Amino acid sequence: MLDLKLMQKSPDLVRESLAKRGSGVDVGEFLTLDERRKALIAEGEALKAERNAAGPEIARRKKAGEDAAALLARMGEISERVKALDAELTEVEAAERDWLLSVPNMPHESVPVGASEADNPVLRHWGEKPVMDFAPKEHWELGVALGGLDFERAAKLAGSRFSLSFGWCARLERALAQFMLDVQTSQHGYTEVIPPYIVNRKTMTGTGQLPKFEEDLFRLEGTDYFLIPTAEVPLTNIFAGEFMDEADLPVRFCALTPCFRSEAGSYGKDTKGLIRLHQFHKVEMVNFAHPERSYEALETMTAAAEKILQLLGIPYRVIALCTGDMGFGATKTYDIEVWLPGQNQYREISSCSNCGDFQARRADIRFRSPGEKKPRYVHTLNGSGLAVGRCLVAVMENFQQADGSIAIPDALKPYMGGIEIIEPR
């Protein structure tokens, strides 16, 4: 959520910033609401002042035996008007908050201006694409042929965009998840958390999924609870409504959780395989950072995500998202895209974002500095470290062999119980 005072003092700055994102938000709507709010407050305060001043005069008249009927009638009118003003003020303030909750974050000045993913600059590449003297297969072909993936039976159980993993494939996905958690906790200072997978509306609102993206979520019927779309939601809200100690910053959490997404608007996209499912696992990283060091923290978080791919030996590239392609709550984002030989293209495997104080304002997460009376909002960051299913895809496609087998990367062999290659049945 944007700073209310910034909206009031610098609406043109906000308007210009949101225009870079291609946002259709009308800043004038907020200004109209805010002018009405100020007018209601001014009228209410004037009437209350008149009422307060009339109190002693009414008492004097009664004591002197003078007629106070007219003044009492005026006080009745004032009371009714103040009641109406207070009710309208409550409505206007709620409308202002709803407006603020619907507005995306402002991009950082370093974010490239652009309209879509076509305008995202590539910052760097890592690793060499594997040279294959055969036509590489896509992961879903490999997985089905090797008996590790079954999409037809998954569809029987739950419908489209679900998968079943068996044997080696289930173990390989579990190995990847354990490997990611071990690296992020032992090498990068993240504390592992097992959070709730079901959260309430307030928690979803705190990170920006609500109210704007409700159609993308799975809601439990008859309740106001939702399945989490990412561990970012419960992890970021751990300190909701609390004051953090400045000396504790940064605080870093990571979690392996299932993620549930309706994939609204993705009809016809990635209908085969593991790329775009309703349910998948992901290791998520969340960082509560000092405002003066959050952009440095973004670089560190991105490097932590990259490290997984480097240790696995999987080629990738890092891109900077332009203003028109960033997520709702982000002020700056890097995407990591992994090379998939079967698809002959790069695909996103991690997105690392600095949200500034955008989420902290929504969730009311603040800290105090010694000697400062006024608390400040922390900056929150989140990033995939990594999406487990997509990493499984990358391993299968990059380490496939001509005979249809899949070699196990050296970094995963200790997690695979000595299995070094997945061979055709």
Protein backbone atom coordinates (compact mmCIF):
# COMPACT_ATOMS: atom_id res chain seq x y z
CA MET A 1 0.00 0.00 0.00
CA LEU A 2 1.33 3.42 -0.91
CA ASP A 3 2.01 6.08 1.71
CA LEU A 4 -1.14 8.14 2.28
CA LYS A 5 0.94 11.28 2.89
CA LEU A 6 2.82 10.77 -0.37
CA MET A 7 -0.49 10.52 -2.20
CA GLN A 8 -1.68 13.75 -0.58
CA LYS A 9 1.51 15.77 -1.02
CA SER A 10 2.85 14.48 -4.34
CA PRO A 11 -0.02 13.11 -6.44
CA ASP A 12 1.73 14.02 -9.71
CA LEU A 13 4.77 11.95 -8.71
CA VAL A 14 2.51 8.97 -8.02
CA ARG A 15 0.58 9.53 -11.25
CA GLU A 16 3.82 9.62 -13.29
CA SER A 17 5.21 6.55 -11.55
CA LEU A 18 2.08 4.47 -12.06
CA ALA A 19 1.92 5.55 -15.69
CA LYS A 20 5.31 3.88 -16.21
CA ARG A 21 3.71 0.63 -15.08
CA GLY A 22 0.88 1.07 -17.55
CA SER A 23 -1.54 1.24 -14.64
CA GLY A 24 -5.02 2.50 -15.35
CA VAL A 25 -5.48 3.72 -11.79
CA ASP A 26 -7.09 7.17 -11.63
CA VAL A 27 -5.21 9.28 -9.07
CA GLY A 28 -7.90 11.93 -9.46
CA GLU A 29 -10.39 9.54 -7.85
CA PHE A 30 -8.29 9.47 -4.71
CA LEU A 31 -7.85 13.24 -4.69
CA THR A 32 -11.62 13.72 -4.91
CA LEU A 33 -12.11 11.36 -1.98
CA ASP A 34 -9.40 13.08 0.02
CA GLU A 35 -10.87 16.52 -0.56
CA ARG A 36 -14.23 15.26 0.63
CA ARG A 37 -12.56 13.70 3.68
CA LYS A 38 -10.90 17.01 4.56
CA ALA A 39 -14.17 18.91 4.09
CA LEU A 40 -16.05 16.49 6.35
CA ILE A 41 -13.40 16.78 9.05
CA ALA A 42 -13.36 20.58 8.85
CA GLU A 43 -17.15 20.87 9.07
CA GLY A 44 -17.33 18.34 11.88
CA GLU A 45 -14.64 20.07 13.91
CA ALA A 46 -16.31 23.46 13.45
CA LEU A 47 -19.65 22.10 14.63
CA LYS A 48 -18.10 20.33 17.59
CA ALA A 49 -16.31 23.55 18.54
CA GLU A 50 -19.63 25.42 18.35
CA ARG A 51 -21.26 22.75 20.52
CA ASN A 52 -18.49 22.91 23.09
CA ALA A 53 -18.67 26.70 23.24
CA ALA A 54 -22.45 26.59 23.69
CA GLY A 55 -22.27 24.38 26.74
CA PRO A 56 -21.35 27.10 29.26
CA GLU A 57 -23.87 29.54 27.70
CA ILE A 58 -26.70 27.01 28.07
CA ALA A 59 -25.72 26.43 31.70
CA ARG A 60 -25.60 30.19 32.35
CA ARG A 61 -29.05 30.77 30.85
CA LYS A 62 -30.61 27.97 32.81
CA LYS A 63 -29.04 29.23 36.01
CA ALA A 64 -30.27 32.75 35.30
CA GLY A 65 -33.74 31.50 34.45
CA GLU A 66 -33.41 32.64 30.85
CA ASP A 67 -34.89 30.84 27.84
CA ALA A 68 -32.34 28.38 26.33
CA ALA A 69 -34.79 26.59 24.02
CA ALA A 70 -33.42 28.02 20.78
CA LEU A 71 -29.86 27.22 21.76
CA LEU A 72 -30.84 23.70 22.80
CA ALA A 73 -32.61 23.20 19.48
CA ARG A 74 -29.46 24.30 17.70
CA MET A 75 -27.43 21.79 19.71
CA GLY A 76 -29.84 19.07 18.63
CA GLU A 77 -29.35 20.05 14.99
CA ILE A 78 -25.58 20.04 15.48
CA SER A 79 -25.64 16.59 17.09
CA GLU A 80 -27.64 15.14 14.19
CA ARG A 81 -25.35 16.78 11.63
CA VAL A 82 -22.19 15.60 13.43
CA LYS A 83 -23.58 12.07 13.50
CA ALA A 84 -24.22 12.21 9.74
CA LEU A 85 -20.78 13.69 9.08
CA ASP A 86 -19.06 10.98 11.14
CA ALA A 87 -20.93 8.26 9.26
CA GLU A 88 -20.00 9.73 5.89
CA LEU A 89 -16.40 10.21 7.04
CA THR A 90 -16.21 6.52 7.93
CA GLU A 91 -17.43 5.65 4.44
CA VAL A 92 -15.00 8.01 2.72
CA GLU A 93 -12.03 6.77 4.76
CA ALA A 94 -12.99 3.18 3.90
CA ALA A 95 -13.21 4.13 0.21
CA GLU A 96 -9.77 5.75 0.43
CA ARG A 97 -8.31 2.61 1.98
CA ASP A 98 -9.98 0.41 -0.64
CA TRP A 99 -8.51 2.65 -3.32
CA LEU A 100 -5.03 2.43 -1.80
CA LEU A 101 -5.32 -1.36 -1.51
CA SER A 102 -6.08 -1.59 -5.24
CA VAL A 103 -3.07 0.48 -6.35
CA PRO A 104 0.20 -1.26 -7.33
CA ASN A 105 3.58 -0.34 -5.93
CA MET A 106 5.70 2.41 -7.46
CA PRO A 107 8.74 1.15 -9.41
CA HIS A 108 12.21 2.03 -8.17
CA GLU A 109 14.08 4.60 -10.23
CA SER A 110 16.54 1.92 -11.42
CA VAL A 111 13.80 -0.23 -13.00
CA PRO A 112 13.86 -0.10 -16.83
CA VAL A 113 10.76 1.47 -18.36
CA GLY A 114 8.85 -0.86 -20.64
CA ALA A 115 5.42 -2.21 -21.52
CA SER A 116 5.83 -6.00 -21.43
CA GLU A 117 8.23 -8.91 -21.01
CA ALA A 118 9.62 -8.09 -24.43
CA ASP A 119 11.23 -5.02 -22.84
CA ASN A 120 13.03 -6.91 -20.04
CA PRO A 121 16.82 -6.57 -20.42
CA VAL A 122 19.04 -9.61 -19.86
CA LEU A 123 21.62 -8.79 -17.20
CA ARG A 124 23.81 -11.88 -17.25
CA HIS A 125 24.12 -15.51 -18.30
CA TRP A 126 25.62 -18.39 -16.35
CA GLY A 127 26.74 -21.79 -17.58
CA GLU A 128 27.01 -23.39 -20.98
CA LYS A 129 24.00 -24.91 -22.67
CA PRO A 130 24.47 -28.69 -22.93
CA VAL A 131 25.54 -29.91 -26.36
CA MET A 132 23.37 -32.84 -27.41
CA ASP A 133 23.93 -34.94 -30.54
CA PHE A 134 20.30 -36.08 -30.44
CA ALA A 135 16.92 -34.38 -30.43
CA PRO A 136 16.25 -33.52 -26.77
CA LYS A 137 12.87 -34.48 -25.35
CA GLU A 138 10.62 -32.38 -23.19
CA HIS A 139 10.40 -33.34 -19.54
CA TRP A 140 6.90 -34.72 -19.72
CA GLU A 141 7.97 -37.15 -22.47
CA LEU A 142 10.96 -38.28 -20.40
CA GLY A 143 8.98 -38.57 -17.19
CA VAL A 144 6.17 -40.63 -18.71
CA ALA A 145 8.57 -42.90 -20.64
CA LEU A 146 10.59 -43.58 -17.47
CA GLY A 147 7.49 -44.29 -15.39
CA GLY A 148 7.96 -41.31 -13.10
CA LEU A 149 5.11 -39.04 -14.21
CA ASP A 150 1.47 -39.81 -14.87
CA PHE A 151 -0.79 -36.97 -15.97
CA GLU A 152 -3.75 -39.07 -17.09
CA ARG A 153 -4.33 -40.64 -13.68
CA ALA A 154 -3.78 -37.27 -12.02
CA ALA A 155 -6.53 -35.84 -14.21
CA LYS A 156 -8.78 -38.72 -13.11
CA LEU A 157 -8.13 -37.82 -9.49
CA ALA A 158 -8.33 -34.01 -9.66
CA GLY A 159 -8.73 -32.71 -13.20
CA SER A 160 -6.36 -30.88 -15.50
CA ARG A 161 -3.17 -29.14 -14.36
CA PHE A 162 -2.27 -31.76 -11.76
CA SER A 163 0.44 -34.42 -11.79
CA LEU A 164 1.35 -37.73 -10.14
CA SER A 165 4.98 -38.56 -9.41
CA PHE A 166 6.20 -42.10 -8.75
CA GLY A 167 9.39 -43.73 -7.55
CA TRP A 168 12.51 -42.04 -8.82
CA CYS A 169 10.62 -38.87 -9.84
CA ALA A 170 9.03 -38.39 -6.42
CA ARG A 171 12.41 -39.04 -4.80
CA LEU A 172 14.18 -36.62 -7.14
CA GLU A 173 11.69 -33.86 -6.35
CA ARG A 174 12.10 -34.54 -2.63
CA ALA A 175 15.88 -34.50 -3.06
CA LEU A 176 15.75 -31.14 -4.81
CA ALA A 177 13.60 -29.63 -2.07
CA GLN A 178 15.89 -30.92 0.68
CA PHE A 179 18.96 -29.72 -1.20
CA MET A 180 17.48 -26.23 -1.60
CA LEU A 181 16.57 -25.97 2.07
CA ASP A 182 20.02 -27.15 3.14
CA VAL A 183 21.75 -24.56 0.94
CA GLN A 184 19.53 -21.65 1.97
CA THR A 185 19.74 -22.44 5.70
CA SER A 186 23.40 -23.48 5.97
CA GLN A 187 24.98 -21.13 3.44
CA HIS A 188 22.72 -18.08 3.26
CA GLY A 189 21.44 -17.56 6.79
CA TYR A 190 17.76 -18.38 6.31
CA THR A 191 15.77 -19.88 9.17
CA GLU A 192 13.51 -22.71 8.06
CA VAL A 193 9.81 -22.37 8.91
CA ILE A 194 6.83 -24.66 8.50
CA PRO A 195 3.91 -22.21 8.19
CA PRO A 196 0.15 -22.76 7.84
CA TYR A 197 -0.92 -23.66 4.33
CA ILE A 198 -4.35 -22.09 4.95
CA VAL A 199 -4.58 -18.41 5.88
CA ASN A 200 -7.28 -15.82 6.51
CA ARG A 201 -8.33 -12.82 4.44
CA LYS A 202 -6.33 -10.34 6.53
CA THR A 203 -3.14 -12.30 5.87
CA MET A 204 -3.82 -12.45 2.13
CA THR A 205 -4.48 -8.71 2.14
CA GLY A 206 -1.22 -8.03 3.97
CA THR A 207 0.90 -9.26 1.07
CA GLY A 208 -1.31 -7.89 -1.70
CA GLN A 209 -3.12 -10.99 -3.00
CA LEU A 210 -6.38 -9.44 -1.86
CA PRO A 211 -8.53 -7.72 -2.81
CA LYS A 212 -7.21 -7.47 -6.36
CA PHE A 213 -6.39 -11.11 -7.18
CA GLU A 214 -9.15 -13.09 -5.45
CA GLU A 215 -10.02 -14.95 -8.66
CA ASP A 216 -6.50 -16.41 -8.74
CA LEU A 217 -6.91 -18.00 -5.30
CA PHE A 218 -8.51 -21.16 -3.96
CA ARG A 219 -10.98 -20.25 -1.22
CA LEU A 220 -12.39 -22.78 1.21
CA GLU A 221 -16.14 -22.78 0.58
CA GLY A 222 -18.23 -21.35 3.37
CA THR A 223 -15.23 -19.74 5.07
CA ASP A 224 -12.96 -16.73 4.69
CA TYR A 225 -9.88 -18.96 4.51
CA PHE A 226 -7.64 -19.46 1.49
CA LEU A 227 -5.04 -22.00 0.36
CA ILE A 228 -1.71 -20.20 0.07
CA PRO A 229 -0.46 -19.39 -3.45
CA THR A 230 3.10 -19.12 -2.07
CA ALA A 231 4.84 -19.28 1.31
CA GLU A 232 5.50 -15.55 0.89
CA VAL A 233 2.02 -14.97 2.30
CA PRO A 234 2.35 -16.60 5.74
CA LEU A 235 6.07 -15.84 6.12
CA THR A 236 5.70 -12.10 5.43
CA ASN A 237 2.78 -11.85 7.85
CA ILE A 238 4.58 -13.49 10.77
CA PHE A 239 5.28 -10.04 12.21
CA ALA A 240 1.99 -8.43 11.11
CA GLY A 241 0.88 -5.76 13.59
CA GLU A 242 4.18 -5.96 15.47
CA PHE A 243 7.25 -3.85 16.13
CA MET A 244 10.55 -5.46 15.21
CA ASP A 245 13.88 -4.64 16.83
CA GLU A 246 16.22 -2.77 14.53
CA ALA A 247 19.14 -4.79 15.89
CA ASP A 248 17.48 -7.99 14.62
CA LEU A 249 17.30 -6.82 11.00
CA PRO A 250 17.63 -8.47 8.61
CA VAL A 251 15.42 -11.42 9.49
CA ARG A 252 15.45 -14.18 6.86
CA PHE A 253 12.96 -17.03 6.62
CA CYS A 254 12.58 -19.84 4.13
CA ALA A 255 9.93 -22.52 3.77
CA LEU A 256 9.06 -25.49 1.60
CA THR A 257 5.32 -25.49 1.01
CA PRO A 258 2.76 -26.57 -1.52
CA CYS A 259 1.42 -23.66 -3.55
CA PHE A 260 -2.13 -23.53 -4.87
CA ARG A 261 -3.09 -21.35 -7.82
CA SER A 262 -6.18 -21.26 -10.00
CA GLU A 263 -4.11 -20.10 -12.99
CA ALA A 264 -6.96 -17.85 -14.04
CA GLY A 265 -6.23 -16.34 -17.43
CA SER A 266 -3.77 -19.06 -18.45
CA TYR A 267 -6.18 -21.02 -20.63
CA GLY A 268 -4.25 -22.82 -23.37
CA LYS A 269 -0.82 -22.06 -21.90
CA ASP A 270 1.55 -24.87 -20.84
CA THR A 271 -1.17 -27.48 -20.81
CA LYS A 272 1.37 -30.33 -20.82
CA GLY A 273 3.86 -31.12 -18.12
CA LEU A 274 4.86 -29.50 -14.84
CA ILE A 275 5.31 -25.87 -15.82
CA ARG A 276 1.89 -24.47 -14.90
CA LEU A 277 -0.01 -26.51 -12.32
CA HIS A 278 -2.73 -25.81 -9.79
CA GLN A 279 -0.55 -27.41 -7.10
CA PHE A 280 3.24 -27.40 -6.88
CA HIS A 281 6.03 -27.14 -4.31
CA LYS A 282 8.37 -24.24 -3.85
CA VAL A 283 11.11 -23.18 -1.48
CA GLU A 284 10.38 -19.53 -0.73
CA MET A 285 12.72 -16.97 0.79
CA VAL A 286 11.45 -13.90 2.70
CA ASN A 287 13.62 -11.12 4.07
CA PHE A 288 12.68 -8.35 6.49
CA ALA A 289 15.30 -5.70 5.75
CA HIS A 290 16.30 -2.26 6.95
CA PRO A 291 15.00 0.37 4.48
CA GLU A 292 18.52 1.64 3.88
CA ARG A 293 19.80 -1.80 2.89
CA SER A 294 16.90 -3.46 1.11
CA TYR A 295 18.22 -3.08 -2.43
CA GLU A 296 21.51 -4.59 -1.37
CA ALA A 297 19.44 -7.39 0.18
CA LEU A 298 17.71 -7.92 -3.17
CA GLU A 299 21.06 -8.58 -4.84
CA THR A 300 21.99 -11.02 -2.06
CA MET A 301 18.66 -12.84 -2.28
CA THR A 302 18.95 -13.20 -6.06
CA ALA A 303 22.46 -14.60 -5.66
CA ALA A 304 21.13 -17.12 -3.13
CA ALA A 305 18.59 -18.35 -5.69
CA GLU A 306 21.24 -18.48 -8.42
CA LYS A 307 23.50 -20.55 -6.19
CA ILE A 308 21.13 -23.52 -6.39
CA LEU A 309 21.41 -23.64 -10.17
CA GLN A 310 25.16 -23.13 -10.08
CA LEU A 311 25.62 -26.07 -7.71
CA LEU A 312 23.39 -28.21 -9.92
CA GLY A 313 25.25 -27.10 -13.05
CA ILE A 314 22.15 -25.86 -14.88
CA PRO A 315 22.56 -22.89 -17.28
CA TYR A 316 20.39 -19.84 -16.68
CA ARG A 317 20.08 -16.13 -17.24
CA VAL A 318 18.97 -13.23 -15.05
CA ILE A 319 16.68 -10.51 -16.37
CA ALA A 320 15.43 -7.26 -14.85
CA LEU A 321 11.69 -6.87 -15.11
CA CYS A 322 10.61 -3.62 -16.70
CA THR A 323 7.96 -1.34 -15.20
CA GLY A 324 5.15 -2.90 -17.24
CA ASP A 325 5.98 -6.50 -16.32
CA MET A 326 6.53 -6.28 -12.57
CA GLY A 327 4.22 -7.87 -10.04
CA PHE A 328 1.62 -5.84 -8.15
CA GLY A 329 3.58 -5.39 -4.92
CA ALA A 330 7.13 -5.14 -6.27
CA THR A 331 9.23 -2.02 -6.55
CA LYS A 332 12.06 -3.94 -8.26
CA THR A 333 12.28 -7.53 -9.52
CA TYR A 334 14.84 -9.89 -11.00
CA ASP A 335 13.70 -13.07 -12.75
CA ILE A 336 15.94 -16.09 -13.13
CA GLU A 337 15.21 -18.10 -16.25
CA VAL A 338 16.58 -21.61 -16.62
CA TRP A 339 17.53 -23.16 -19.96
CA LEU A 340 15.29 -26.05 -21.07
CA PRO A 341 16.76 -27.99 -24.04
CA GLY A 342 13.51 -29.89 -24.69
CA GLN A 343 11.62 -26.63 -25.12
CA ASN A 344 14.63 -24.87 -26.66
CA GLN A 345 13.99 -21.79 -24.57
CA TYR A 346 14.52 -20.14 -21.20
CA ARG A 347 11.72 -20.41 -18.64
CA GLU A 348 11.27 -18.62 -15.33
CA ILE A 349 12.32 -20.59 -12.27
CA SER A 350 12.62 -17.79 -9.71
CA SER A 351 11.40 -14.27 -9.19
CA CYS A 352 13.12 -12.15 -6.53
CA SER A 353 11.45 -8.88 -5.55
CA ASN A 354 11.93 -5.96 -3.21
CA CYS A 355 8.51 -4.69 -2.14
CA GLY A 356 9.89 -1.75 -0.17
CA ASP A 357 7.44 -0.75 2.57
CA PHE A 358 4.42 -1.63 0.39
CA GLN A 359 3.55 -4.87 2.18
CA ALA A 360 4.72 -3.61 5.58
CA ARG A 361 2.15 -0.78 5.39
CA ARG A 362 -0.63 -3.22 4.58
CA ALA A 363 0.42 -5.64 7.34
CA ASP A 364 1.61 -2.92 9.76
CA ILE A 365 5.16 -4.21 10.33
CA ARG A 366 7.40 -1.55 11.87
CA PHE A 367 10.64 -1.12 13.77
CA ARG A 368 12.10 1.50 16.07
CA SER A 369 15.61 2.91 15.91
CA PRO A 370 17.34 3.94 19.14
CA GLY A 371 16.88 7.66 19.78
CA GLU A 372 14.05 7.99 17.25
CA LYS A 373 10.51 8.49 18.52
CA LYS A 374 8.73 7.72 15.27
CA PRO A 375 8.79 4.09 14.12
CA ARG A 376 9.46 3.18 10.51
CA TYR A 377 8.14 0.44 8.26
CA VAL A 378 10.50 -2.40 7.41
CA HIS A 379 11.15 -3.37 3.80
CA THR A 380 10.03 -6.85 2.76
CA LEU A 381 11.58 -8.99 0.05
CA ASN A 382 10.61 -12.36 -1.36
CA GLY A 383 12.03 -14.80 -3.85
CA SER A 384 11.85 -18.40 -4.99
CA GLY A 385 14.79 -20.43 -3.90
CA LEU A 386 13.61 -22.30 -6.06
CA ALA A 387 10.35 -23.56 -7.59
CA VAL A 388 10.90 -27.29 -7.02
CA GLY A 389 8.82 -28.63 -9.90
CA ARG A 390 10.41 -26.33 -12.45
CA CYS A 391 13.83 -27.25 -11.12
CA LEU A 392 12.89 -30.90 -11.60
CA VAL A 393 12.01 -30.05 -15.19
CA ALA A 394 15.40 -28.36 -15.65
CA VAL A 395 17.30 -31.36 -14.27
CA MET A 396 15.39 -33.82 -16.44
CA GLU A 397 15.87 -31.84 -19.65
CA ASN A 398 19.48 -30.73 -19.12
CA PHE A 399 20.76 -34.10 -17.89
CA GLN A 400 18.92 -36.35 -20.34
CA GLN A 401 20.96 -38.85 -22.33
CA ALA A 402 20.60 -40.15 -25.88
CA ASP A 403 19.08 -43.45 -24.69
CA GLY A 404 16.32 -41.65 -22.77
CA SER A 405 17.98 -41.95 -19.36
CA ILE A 406 18.57 -39.06 -16.97
CA ALA A 407 21.86 -38.54 -15.15
CA ILE A 408 21.71 -37.28 -11.56
CA PRO A 409 23.66 -34.04 -10.92
CA ASP A 410 26.58 -34.54 -8.53
CA ALA A 411 25.07 -32.17 -5.95
CA LEU A 412 21.96 -34.38 -5.67
CA LYS A 413 23.64 -37.79 -5.47
CA PRO A 414 23.94 -37.71 -1.66
CA TYR A 415 20.17 -37.15 -1.50
CA MET A 416 19.36 -39.97 -3.93
CA GLY A 417 20.67 -42.93 -1.94
CA GLY A 418 23.40 -43.76 -4.41
CA ILE A 419 21.24 -43.54 -7.54
CA GLU A 420 23.35 -41.94 -10.27
CA ILE A 421 21.20 -42.43 -13.35
CA ILE A 422 17.52 -42.99 -14.09
CA GLU A 423 17.41 -45.63 -16.80
CA PRO A 424 14.60 -46.72 -19.14
CA ARG A 425 12.54 -49.62 -17.89
